[in-house]
Amino acid sequence: MAKSAAIVLIQTEIGAESKVLDELYKMPEVKEAYVVYGTYDVVVKIEAEALEKIREIVTNHVRRLPDIRTTVTMIVVEERIKSSPSH
């Protein structure tokens, strides 16, 4: 069975970006996490066995963290991943 994935765009309270990043990174389903500049403060990629599990993670774990103001969740429908060149 193929894994489901989502990209979550997160706005945090001012100055809380690194703290939120650290908490999100502890979640096993969070595969990538970044602090970014722009409208959103943190971007994470979540992978799970099913879309229902992604919904549960975002609703019951990500959105309940202190210092998170808003989230936008985008479900991945197709992906391409470049492998890093060998040195």
Protein backbone atom coordinates (compact mmCIF):
# COMPACT_ATOMS: atom_id res chain seq x y z
CA MET A 1 0.00 0.00 0.00
CA ALA A 2 1.35 3.43 -0.96
CA LYS A 3 1.85 5.98 1.76
CA SER A 4 -0.18 9.17 1.86
CA ALA A 5 1.61 12.46 2.24
CA ALA A 6 0.74 16.06 3.02
CA ILE A 7 2.55 19.37 3.14
CA VAL A 8 1.43 21.54 6.06
CA LEU A 9 1.98 25.31 6.01
CA ILE A 10 2.03 26.75 9.53
CA GLN A 11 1.83 30.25 10.97
CA THR A 12 3.28 30.52 14.47
CA GLU A 13 3.26 33.16 17.14
CA ILE A 14 6.06 35.67 16.60
CA GLY A 15 9.39 34.27 17.75
CA ALA A 16 8.10 30.71 18.26
CA GLU A 17 9.29 29.25 14.95
CA SER A 18 12.24 27.25 16.28
CA LYS A 19 10.30 25.93 19.27
CA VAL A 20 7.44 24.77 17.02
CA LEU A 21 9.94 23.23 14.58
CA ASP A 22 11.54 21.24 17.41
CA GLU A 23 8.16 19.93 18.63
CA LEU A 24 7.00 18.97 15.14
CA TYR A 25 10.27 17.19 14.39
CA LYS A 26 9.67 14.86 17.36
CA MET A 27 6.57 13.43 15.63
CA PRO A 28 7.52 10.23 13.75
CA GLU A 29 5.19 11.04 10.83
CA VAL A 30 6.96 14.36 10.19
CA LYS A 31 9.58 13.51 7.57
CA GLU A 32 10.79 17.04 6.77
CA ALA A 33 10.50 20.32 8.65
CA TYR A 34 11.64 23.83 7.73
CA VAL A 35 11.50 27.36 9.12
CA VAL A 36 10.74 29.65 6.15
CA TYR A 37 10.25 33.34 5.38
CA GLY A 38 6.99 34.62 3.95
CA THR A 39 3.32 34.24 4.77
CA TYR A 40 4.00 31.01 6.66
CA ASP A 41 6.68 30.36 9.28
CA VAL A 42 7.10 26.57 9.25
CA VAL A 43 6.55 23.98 6.51
CA VAL A 44 6.42 20.24 7.24
CA LYS A 45 5.95 17.09 5.20
CA ILE A 46 3.91 14.39 6.89
CA GLU A 47 3.71 10.77 5.72
CA ALA A 48 1.27 8.15 6.98
CA GLU A 49 -0.34 4.92 5.83
CA ALA A 50 -3.67 6.58 5.02
CA LEU A 51 -5.28 9.99 4.58
CA GLU A 52 -7.35 9.40 7.70
CA LYS A 53 -4.13 9.10 9.72
CA ILE A 54 -2.87 12.39 8.25
CA ARG A 55 -6.13 14.05 9.26
CA GLU A 56 -5.74 12.70 12.79
CA ILE A 57 -2.11 13.87 13.05
CA VAL A 58 -2.88 17.39 11.82
CA THR A 59 -6.07 17.81 13.83
CA ASN A 60 -5.06 16.16 17.10
CA HIS A 61 -1.32 16.79 17.25
CA VAL A 62 -0.04 19.55 14.96
CA ARG A 63 -2.87 22.04 15.44
CA ARG A 64 -2.91 21.53 19.22
CA LEU A 65 0.70 22.57 19.74
CA PRO A 66 1.10 25.82 21.66
CA ASP A 67 2.18 28.79 19.54
CA ILE A 68 0.54 27.57 16.30
CA ARG A 69 -1.85 30.20 14.95
CA THR A 70 -3.06 28.67 11.66
CA THR A 71 -2.39 25.74 9.35
CA VAL A 72 -3.08 24.94 5.71
CA THR A 73 -2.81 21.28 4.72
CA MET A 74 -2.13 20.27 1.12
CA ILE A 75 -2.52 16.58 0.24
CA VAL A 76 0.19 15.31 -2.11
CA VAL A 77 -1.32 13.62 -5.18
CA GLU A 78 1.90 13.04 -7.14
CA GLU A 79 5.57 13.53 -6.41
CA ARG A 80 9.00 13.43 -8.00
CA ILE A 81 12.09 13.20 -5.80
CA LYS A 82 15.55 13.89 -7.14
CA SER A 83 18.30 11.85 -5.63
CA SER A 84 21.43 13.66 -4.50
CA PRO A 85 24.42 13.30 -6.81
CA SER A 86 27.24 11.13 -5.43
CA HIS A 87 30.55 12.82 -4.72
